[in-house]
Amino acid sequence: MLPSELIGSLAACLTTAAFIPQVWQVWRSQHTQDISLAMYAAFTCGVALWLTYGILLNAWPIIIANAITLLLSGTVLVLKLRFG
């Protein structure tokens, strides 16, 4: 693996994993009052577009990282809509 690929993979893992604590906290507490609906809606749409871009390029690192991030950010968005 090239150093640039290693750095890109590490960055993808860290930025994707950064959503796990937020999902866990919201799931556990069912408290979403302090979460911005507009931010998560825009972010989730952006991630969906990155995923689409990765699919069009057949770029597996982009596809995998953004598919997982879409699942996590989408979960927070759904919980925000559910719990208000």
PDB file of N, CA and C in Angstrom:
ATOM      1  N   MET A   1       0.847  -1.176   0.000  1.00  0.00           N
ATOM      2  CA  MET A   1       0.000   0.000   0.000  1.00  0.00           C
ATOM      3  C   MET A   1       0.895   1.243   0.000  1.00  0.00           C
ATOM      4  N   LEU A   2       0.595   2.166  -0.873  1.00  0.00           N
ATOM      5  CA  LEU A   2       1.345   3.412  -0.967  1.00  0.00           C
ATOM      6  C   LEU A   2       1.071   4.287   0.252  1.00  0.00           C
ATOM      7  N   PRO A   3       2.020   5.138   0.638  1.00  0.00           N
ATOM      8  CA  PRO A   3       1.785   6.033   1.775  1.00  0.00           C
ATOM      9  C   PRO A   3       0.534   6.895   1.597  1.00  0.00           C
ATOM     10  N   SER A   4       0.281   7.369   0.393  1.00  0.00           N
ATOM     11  CA  SER A   4      -0.910   8.190   0.160  1.00  0.00           C
ATOM     12  C   SER A   4      -2.188   7.381   0.363  1.00  0.00           C
ATOM     13  N   GLU A   5      -2.179   6.108  -0.039  1.00  0.00           N
ATOM     14  CA  GLU A   5      -3.345   5.249   0.172  1.00  0.00           C
ATOM     15  C   GLU A   5      -3.542   4.957   1.650  1.00  0.00           C
ATOM     16  N   LEU A   6      -2.452   4.777   2.369  1.00  0.00           N
ATOM     17  CA  LEU A   6      -2.526   4.545   3.809  1.00  0.00           C
ATOM     18  C   LEU A   6      -3.112   5.759   4.519  1.00  0.00           C
ATOM     19  N   ILE A   7      -2.645   6.939   4.158  1.00  0.00           N
ATOM     20  CA  ILE A   7      -3.166   8.168   4.760  1.00  0.00           C
ATOM     21  C   ILE A   7      -4.646   8.336   4.429  1.00  0.00           C
ATOM     22  N   GLY A   8      -5.021   8.102   3.189  1.00  0.00           N
ATOM     23  CA  GLY A   8      -6.425   8.206   2.794  1.00  0.00           C
ATOM     24  C   GLY A   8      -7.303   7.206   3.517  1.00  0.00           C
ATOM     25  N   SER A   9      -6.820   5.987   3.669  1.00  0.00           N
ATOM     26  CA  SER A   9      -7.585   4.956   4.377  1.00  0.00           C
ATOM     27  C   SER A   9      -7.743   5.301   5.850  1.00  0.00           C
ATOM     28  N   LEU A  10      -6.667   5.783   6.459  1.00  0.00           N
ATOM     29  CA  LEU A  10      -6.729   6.177   7.868  1.00  0.00           C
ATOM     30  C   LEU A  10      -7.690   7.346   8.059  1.00  0.00           C
ATOM     31  N   ALA A  11      -7.626   8.327   7.171  1.00  0.00           N
ATOM     32  CA  ALA A  11      -8.539   9.468   7.242  1.00  0.00           C
ATOM     33  C   ALA A  11      -9.991   9.019   7.099  1.00  0.00           C
ATOM     34  N   ALA A  12     -10.260   8.125   6.164  1.00  0.00           N
ATOM     35  CA  ALA A  12     -11.621   7.620   5.962  1.00  0.00           C
ATOM     36  C   ALA A  12     -12.119   6.881   7.196  1.00  0.00           C
ATOM     37  N   CYS A  13     -11.263   6.071   7.790  1.00  0.00           N
ATOM     38  CA  CYS A  13     -11.648   5.324   8.997  1.00  0.00           C
ATOM     39  C   CYS A  13     -11.951   6.262  10.155  1.00  0.00           C
ATOM     40  N   LEU A  14     -11.089   7.244  10.368  1.00  0.00           N
ATOM     41  CA  LEU A  14     -11.278   8.157  11.496  1.00  0.00           C
ATOM     42  C   LEU A  14     -12.508   9.039  11.328  1.00  0.00           C
ATOM     43  N   THR A  15     -12.708   9.601  10.132  1.00  0.00           N
ATOM     44  CA  THR A  15     -13.863  10.474   9.947  1.00  0.00           C
ATOM     45  C   THR A  15     -15.175   9.691   9.964  1.00  0.00           C
ATOM     46  N   THR A  16     -15.143   8.466   9.510  1.00  0.00           N
ATOM     47  CA  THR A  16     -16.335   7.620   9.573  1.00  0.00           C
ATOM     48  C   THR A  16     -16.624   7.215  11.011  1.00  0.00           C
ATOM     49  N   ALA A  17     -15.612   6.778  11.720  1.00  0.00           N
ATOM     50  CA  ALA A  17     -15.780   6.339  13.108  1.00  0.00           C
ATOM     51  C   ALA A  17     -16.179   7.482  14.031  1.00  0.00           C
ATOM     52  N   ALA A  18     -15.915   8.712  13.637  1.00  0.00           N
ATOM     53  CA  ALA A  18     -16.256   9.864  14.473  1.00  0.00           C
ATOM     54  C   ALA A  18     -17.758   9.959  14.739  1.00  0.00           C
ATOM     55  N   PHE A  19     -18.573   9.361  13.898  1.00  0.00           N
ATOM     56  CA  PHE A  19     -20.021   9.422  14.086  1.00  0.00           C
ATOM     57  C   PHE A  19     -20.543   8.389  15.083  1.00  0.00           C
ATOM     58  N   ILE A  20     -19.777   7.379  15.363  1.00  0.00           N
ATOM     59  CA  ILE A  20     -20.243   6.309  16.248  1.00  0.00           C
ATOM     60  C   ILE A  20     -20.619   6.825  17.635  1.00  0.00           C
ATOM     61  N   PRO A  21     -19.812   7.662  18.294  1.00  0.00           N
ATOM     62  CA  PRO A  21     -20.222   8.163  19.615  1.00  0.00           C
ATOM     63  C   PRO A  21     -21.528   8.961  19.576  1.00  0.00           C
ATOM     64  N   GLN A  22     -21.747   9.735  18.511  1.00  0.00           N
ATOM     65  CA  GLN A  22     -22.983  10.510  18.408  1.00  0.00           C
ATOM     66  C   GLN A  22     -24.190   9.592  18.250  1.00  0.00           C
ATOM     67  N   VAL A  23     -24.071   8.592  17.394  1.00  0.00           N
ATOM     68  CA  VAL A  23     -25.168   7.637  17.206  1.00  0.00           C
ATOM     69  C   VAL A  23     -25.466   6.930  18.521  1.00  0.00           C
ATOM     70  N   TRP A  24     -24.433   6.478  19.210  1.00  0.00           N
ATOM     71  CA  TRP A  24     -24.609   5.767  20.475  1.00  0.00           C
ATOM     72  C   TRP A  24     -25.277   6.660  21.514  1.00  0.00           C
ATOM     73  N   GLN A  25     -24.827   7.908  21.630  1.00  0.00           N
ATOM     74  CA  GLN A  25     -25.385   8.836  22.622  1.00  0.00           C
ATOM     75  C   GLN A  25     -26.858   9.110  22.354  1.00  0.00           C
ATOM     76  N   VAL A  26     -27.201   9.378  21.106  1.00  0.00           N
ATOM     77  CA  VAL A  26     -28.597   9.667  20.762  1.00  0.00           C
ATOM     78  C   VAL A  26     -29.457   8.424  20.943  1.00  0.00           C
ATOM     79  N   TRP A  27     -28.960   7.282  20.525  1.00  0.00           N
ATOM     80  CA  TRP A  27     -29.709   6.029  20.660  1.00  0.00           C
ATOM     81  C   TRP A  27     -30.005   5.736  22.128  1.00  0.00           C
ATOM     82  N   ARG A  28     -28.991   5.943  22.970  1.00  0.00           N
ATOM     83  CA  ARG A  28     -29.113   5.630  24.391  1.00  0.00           C
ATOM     84  C   ARG A  28     -30.003   6.638  25.127  1.00  0.00           C
ATOM     85  N   SER A  29     -29.809   7.918  24.857  1.00  0.00           N
ATOM     86  CA  SER A  29     -30.510   8.958  25.615  1.00  0.00           C
ATOM     87  C   SER A  29     -31.844   9.369  25.000  1.00  0.00           C
ATOM     88  N   GLN A  30     -32.016   9.143  23.722  1.00  0.00           N
ATOM     89  CA  GLN A  30     -33.188   9.589  22.968  1.00  0.00           C
ATOM     90  C   GLN A  30     -33.361  11.103  23.065  1.00  0.00           C
ATOM     91  N   HIS A  31     -32.249  11.804  23.254  1.00  0.00           N
ATOM     92  CA  HIS A  31     -32.248  13.265  23.363  1.00  0.00           C
ATOM     93  C   HIS A  31     -31.546  13.849  22.141  1.00  0.00           C
ATOM     94  N   THR A  32     -32.281  14.630  21.364  1.00  0.00           N
ATOM     95  CA  THR A  32     -31.711  15.195  20.138  1.00  0.00           C
ATOM     96  C   THR A  32     -31.904  16.702  20.045  1.00  0.00           C
ATOM     97  N   GLN A  33     -32.327  17.320  21.118  1.00  0.00           N
ATOM     98  CA  GLN A  33     -32.646  18.743  21.087  1.00  0.00           C
ATOM     99  C   GLN A  33     -31.454  19.604  20.661  1.00  0.00           C
ATOM    100  N   ASP A  34     -30.263  19.225  21.043  1.00  0.00           N
ATOM    101  CA  ASP A  34     -29.073  20.030  20.741  1.00  0.00           C
ATOM    102  C   ASP A  34     -28.435  19.703  19.392  1.00  0.00           C
ATOM    103  N   ILE A  35     -29.047  18.828  18.620  1.00  0.00           N
ATOM    104  CA  ILE A  35     -28.515  18.441  17.312  1.00  0.00           C
ATOM    105  C   ILE A  35     -29.224  19.255  16.233  1.00  0.00           C
ATOM    106  N   SER A  36     -28.448  19.821  15.324  1.00  0.00           N
ATOM    107  CA  SER A  36     -28.999  20.639  14.248  1.00  0.00           C
ATOM    108  C   SER A  36     -29.578  19.756  13.139  1.00  0.00           C
ATOM    109  N   LEU A  37     -30.878  19.879  12.924  1.00  0.00           N
ATOM    110  CA  LEU A  37     -31.539  19.126  11.858  1.00  0.00           C
ATOM    111  C   LEU A  37     -31.003  19.553  10.490  1.00  0.00           C
ATOM    112  N   ALA A  38     -30.841  20.854  10.289  1.00  0.00           N
ATOM    113  CA  ALA A  38     -30.357  21.345   8.996  1.00  0.00           C
ATOM    114  C   ALA A  38     -28.953  20.825   8.697  1.00  0.00           C
ATOM    115  N   MET A  39     -28.092  20.803   9.700  1.00  0.00           N
ATOM    116  CA  MET A  39     -26.724  20.333   9.491  1.00  0.00           C
ATOM    117  C   MET A  39     -26.712  18.864   9.113  1.00  0.00           C
ATOM    118  N   TYR A  40     -27.451  18.042   9.856  1.00  0.00           N
ATOM    119  CA  TYR A  40     -27.449  16.608   9.559  1.00  0.00           C
ATOM    120  C   TYR A  40     -28.147  16.301   8.244  1.00  0.00           C
ATOM    121  N   ALA A  41     -29.182  17.065   7.897  1.00  0.00           N
ATOM    122  CA  ALA A  41     -29.849  16.856   6.609  1.00  0.00           C
ATOM    123  C   ALA A  41     -28.895  17.182   5.460  1.00  0.00           C
ATOM    124  N   ALA A  42     -28.221  18.323   5.546  1.00  0.00           N
ATOM    125  CA  ALA A  42     -27.277  18.716   4.494  1.00  0.00           C
ATOM    126  C   ALA A  42     -26.096  17.751   4.434  1.00  0.00           C
ATOM    127  N   PHE A  43     -25.577  17.375   5.590  1.00  0.00           N
ATOM    128  CA  PHE A  43     -24.431  16.471   5.620  1.00  0.00           C
ATOM    129  C   PHE A  43     -24.791  15.113   5.033  1.00  0.00           C
ATOM    130  N   THR A  44     -25.946  14.582   5.404  1.00  0.00           N
ATOM    131  CA  THR A  44     -26.374  13.275   4.910  1.00  0.00           C
ATOM    132  C   THR A  44     -26.575  13.313   3.395  1.00  0.00           C
ATOM    133  N   CYS A  45     -27.141  14.391   2.879  1.00  0.00           N
ATOM    134  CA  CYS A  45     -27.271  14.534   1.417  1.00  0.00           C
ATOM    135  C   CYS A  45     -25.899  14.600   0.756  1.00  0.00           C
ATOM    136  N   GLY A  46     -24.975  15.329   1.363  1.00  0.00           N
ATOM    137  CA  GLY A  46     -23.617  15.414   0.826  1.00  0.00           C
ATOM    138  C   GLY A  46     -22.922  14.068   0.796  1.00  0.00           C
ATOM    139  N   VAL A  47     -23.087  13.300   1.858  1.00  0.00           N
ATOM    140  CA  VAL A  47     -22.478  11.965   1.912  1.00  0.00           C
ATOM    141  C   VAL A  47     -23.104  11.055   0.856  1.00  0.00           C
ATOM    142  N   ALA A  48     -24.415  11.181   0.657  1.00  0.00           N
ATOM    143  CA  ALA A  48     -25.076  10.383  -0.383  1.00  0.00           C
ATOM    144  C   ALA A  48     -24.506  10.722  -1.762  1.00  0.00           C
ATOM    145  N   LEU A  49     -24.211  11.987  -1.981  1.00  0.00           N
ATOM    146  CA  LEU A  49     -23.605  12.382  -3.257  1.00  0.00           C
ATOM    147  C   LEU A  49     -22.177  11.858  -3.380  1.00  0.00           C
ATOM    148  N   TRP A  50     -21.401  11.880  -2.296  1.00  0.00           N
ATOM    149  CA  TRP A  50     -20.053  11.293  -2.319  1.00  0.00           C
ATOM    150  C   TRP A  50     -20.127   9.803  -2.623  1.00  0.00           C
ATOM    151  N   LEU A  51     -21.106   9.131  -2.040  1.00  0.00           N
ATOM    152  CA  LEU A  51     -21.282   7.705  -2.300  1.00  0.00           C
ATOM    153  C   LEU A  51     -21.601   7.474  -3.777  1.00  0.00           C
ATOM    154  N   THR A  52     -22.490   8.280  -4.320  1.00  0.00           N
ATOM    155  CA  THR A  52     -22.828   8.182  -5.737  1.00  0.00           C
ATOM    156  C   THR A  52     -21.598   8.423  -6.607  1.00  0.00           C
ATOM    157  N   TYR A  53     -20.812   9.411  -6.254  1.00  0.00           N
ATOM    158  CA  TYR A  53     -19.570   9.715  -6.967  1.00  0.00           C
ATOM    159  C   TYR A  53     -18.623   8.514  -6.929  1.00  0.00           C
ATOM    160  N   GLY A  54     -18.473   7.924  -5.767  1.00  0.00           N
ATOM    161  CA  GLY A  54     -17.619   6.746  -5.640  1.00  0.00           C
ATOM    162  C   GLY A  54     -18.104   5.586  -6.492  1.00  0.00           C
ATOM    163  N   ILE A  55     -19.416   5.404  -6.537  1.00  0.00           N
ATOM    164  CA  ILE A  55     -19.992   4.337  -7.358  1.00  0.00           C
ATOM    165  C   ILE A  55     -19.723   4.607  -8.842  1.00  0.00           C
ATOM    166  N   LEU A  56     -19.914   5.853  -9.258  1.00  0.00           N
ATOM    167  CA  LEU A  56     -19.670   6.203 -10.662  1.00  0.00           C
ATOM    168  C   LEU A  56     -18.211   5.994 -11.057  1.00  0.00           C
ATOM    169  N   LEU A  57     -17.298   6.223 -10.121  1.00  0.00           N
ATOM    170  CA  LEU A  57     -15.871   6.025 -10.391  1.00  0.00           C
ATOM    171  C   LEU A  57     -15.412   4.594 -10.117  1.00  0.00           C
ATOM    172  N   ASN A  58     -16.296   3.806  -9.514  1.00  0.00           N
ATOM    173  CA  ASN A  58     -15.940   2.457  -9.067  1.00  0.00           C
ATOM    174  C   ASN A  58     -14.733   2.504  -8.115  1.00  0.00           C
ATOM    175  N   ALA A  59     -14.768   3.492  -7.219  1.00  0.00           N
ATOM    176  CA  ALA A  59     -13.679   3.719  -6.263  1.00  0.00           C
ATOM    177  C   ALA A  59     -14.089   3.149  -4.906  1.00  0.00           C
ATOM    178  N   TRP A  60     -13.630   1.933  -4.627  1.00  0.00           N
ATOM    179  CA  TRP A  60     -14.059   1.231  -3.422  1.00  0.00           C
ATOM    180  C   TRP A  60     -13.760   1.957  -2.117  1.00  0.00           C
ATOM    181  N   PRO A  61     -12.627   2.620  -1.951  1.00  0.00           N
ATOM    182  CA  PRO A  61     -12.413   3.348  -0.692  1.00  0.00           C
ATOM    183  C   PRO A  61     -13.463   4.440  -0.463  1.00  0.00           C
ATOM    184  N   ILE A  62     -13.836   5.148  -1.526  1.00  0.00           N
ATOM    185  CA  ILE A  62     -14.866   6.181  -1.408  1.00  0.00           C
ATOM    186  C   ILE A  62     -16.215   5.540  -1.138  1.00  0.00           C
ATOM    187  N   ILE A  63     -16.511   4.453  -1.801  1.00  0.00           N
ATOM    188  CA  ILE A  63     -17.794   3.764  -1.628  1.00  0.00           C
ATOM    189  C   ILE A  63     -17.941   3.245  -0.205  1.00  0.00           C
ATOM    190  N   ILE A  64     -16.950   2.534   0.281  1.00  0.00           N
ATOM    191  CA  ILE A  64     -17.044   1.919   1.610  1.00  0.00           C
ATOM    192  C   ILE A  64     -17.151   2.975   2.701  1.00  0.00           C
ATOM    193  N   ALA A  65     -16.248   3.957   2.672  1.00  0.00           N
ATOM    194  CA  ALA A  65     -16.254   4.995   3.712  1.00  0.00           C
ATOM    195  C   ALA A  65     -17.571   5.756   3.720  1.00  0.00           C
ATOM    196  N   ASN A  66     -18.071   6.118   2.553  1.00  0.00           N
ATOM    197  CA  ASN A  66     -19.289   6.917   2.506  1.00  0.00           C
ATOM    198  C   ASN A  66     -20.549   6.098   2.730  1.00  0.00           C
ATOM    199  N   ALA A  67     -20.536   4.820   2.399  1.00  0.00           N
ATOM    200  CA  ALA A  67     -21.688   3.967   2.707  1.00  0.00           C
ATOM    201  C   ALA A  67     -21.852   3.839   4.219  1.00  0.00           C
ATOM    202  N   ILE A  68     -20.747   3.632   4.911  1.00  0.00           N
ATOM    203  CA  ILE A  68     -20.806   3.520   6.373  1.00  0.00           C
ATOM    204  C   ILE A  68     -21.187   4.861   6.993  1.00  0.00           C
ATOM    205  N   THR A  69     -20.582   5.941   6.505  1.00  0.00           N
ATOM    206  CA  THR A  69     -20.906   7.272   7.025  1.00  0.00           C
ATOM    207  C   THR A  69     -22.363   7.618   6.761  1.00  0.00           C
ATOM    208  N   LEU A  70     -22.882   7.250   5.597  1.00  0.00           N
ATOM    209  CA  LEU A  70     -24.292   7.498   5.283  1.00  0.00           C
ATOM    210  C   LEU A  70     -25.196   6.753   6.254  1.00  0.00           C
ATOM    211  N   LEU A  71     -24.854   5.527   6.564  1.00  0.00           N
ATOM    212  CA  LEU A  71     -25.634   4.756   7.530  1.00  0.00           C
ATOM    213  C   LEU A  71     -25.627   5.442   8.897  1.00  0.00           C
ATOM    214  N   LEU A  72     -24.459   5.878   9.347  1.00  0.00           N
ATOM    215  CA  LEU A  72     -24.349   6.502  10.666  1.00  0.00           C
ATOM    216  C   LEU A  72     -25.019   7.872  10.710  1.00  0.00           C
ATOM    217  N   SER A  73     -24.743   8.729   9.742  1.00  0.00           N
ATOM    218  CA  SER A  73     -25.356  10.061   9.756  1.00  0.00           C
ATOM    219  C   SER A  73     -26.855   9.967   9.481  1.00  0.00           C
ATOM    220  N   GLY A  74     -27.249   9.020   8.642  1.00  0.00           N
ATOM    221  CA  GLY A  74     -28.674   8.795   8.405  1.00  0.00           C
ATOM    222  C   GLY A  74     -29.391   8.324   9.652  1.00  0.00           C
ATOM    223  N   THR A  75     -28.709   7.521  10.456  1.00  0.00           N
ATOM    224  CA  THR A  75     -29.291   7.069  11.723  1.00  0.00           C
ATOM    225  C   THR A  75     -29.530   8.247  12.649  1.00  0.00           C
ATOM    226  N   VAL A  76     -28.540   9.125  12.780  1.00  0.00           N
ATOM    227  CA  VAL A  76     -28.711  10.312  13.625  1.00  0.00           C
ATOM    228  C   VAL A  76     -29.848  11.175  13.085  1.00  0.00           C
ATOM    229  N   LEU A  77     -29.928  11.347  11.780  1.00  0.00           N
ATOM    230  CA  LEU A  77     -30.987  12.151  11.174  1.00  0.00           C
ATOM    231  C   LEU A  77     -32.363  11.554  11.459  1.00  0.00           C
ATOM    232  N   VAL A  78     -32.506  10.259  11.298  1.00  0.00           N
ATOM    233  CA  VAL A  78     -33.788   9.600  11.578  1.00  0.00           C
ATOM    234  C   VAL A  78     -34.146   9.727  13.057  1.00  0.00           C
ATOM    235  N   LEU A  79     -33.166   9.540  13.934  1.00  0.00           N
ATOM    236  CA  LEU A  79     -33.428   9.676  15.369  1.00  0.00           C
ATOM    237  C   LEU A  79     -33.793  11.115  15.727  1.00  0.00           C
ATOM    238  N   LYS A  80     -33.169  12.083  15.072  1.00  0.00           N
ATOM    239  CA  LYS A  80     -33.521  13.490  15.291  1.00  0.00           C
ATOM    240  C   LYS A  80     -34.967  13.728  14.886  1.00  0.00           C
ATOM    241  N   LEU A  81     -35.378  13.194  13.750  1.00  0.00           N
ATOM    242  CA  LEU A  81     -36.761  13.353  13.300  1.00  0.00           C
ATOM    243  C   LEU A  81     -37.729  12.622  14.229  1.00  0.00           C
ATOM    244  N   ARG A  82     -37.310  11.497  14.747  1.00  0.00           N
ATOM    245  CA  ARG A  82     -38.174  10.699  15.619  1.00  0.00           C
ATOM    246  C   ARG A  82     -38.326  11.309  17.010  1.00  0.00           C
ATOM    247  N   PHE A  83     -37.211  11.740  17.597  1.00  0.00           N
ATOM    248  CA  PHE A  83     -37.237  12.226  18.973  1.00  0.00           C
ATOM    249  C   PHE A  83     -37.339  13.746  19.077  1.00  0.00           C
ATOM    250  N   GLY A  84     -37.229  14.434  17.953  1.00  0.00           N
ATOM    251  CA  GLY A  84     -37.372  15.885  17.939  1.00  0.00           C
ATOM    252  C   GLY A  84     -36.214  16.584  18.523  1.00  0.00           C
TER     253      GLY A  84
END
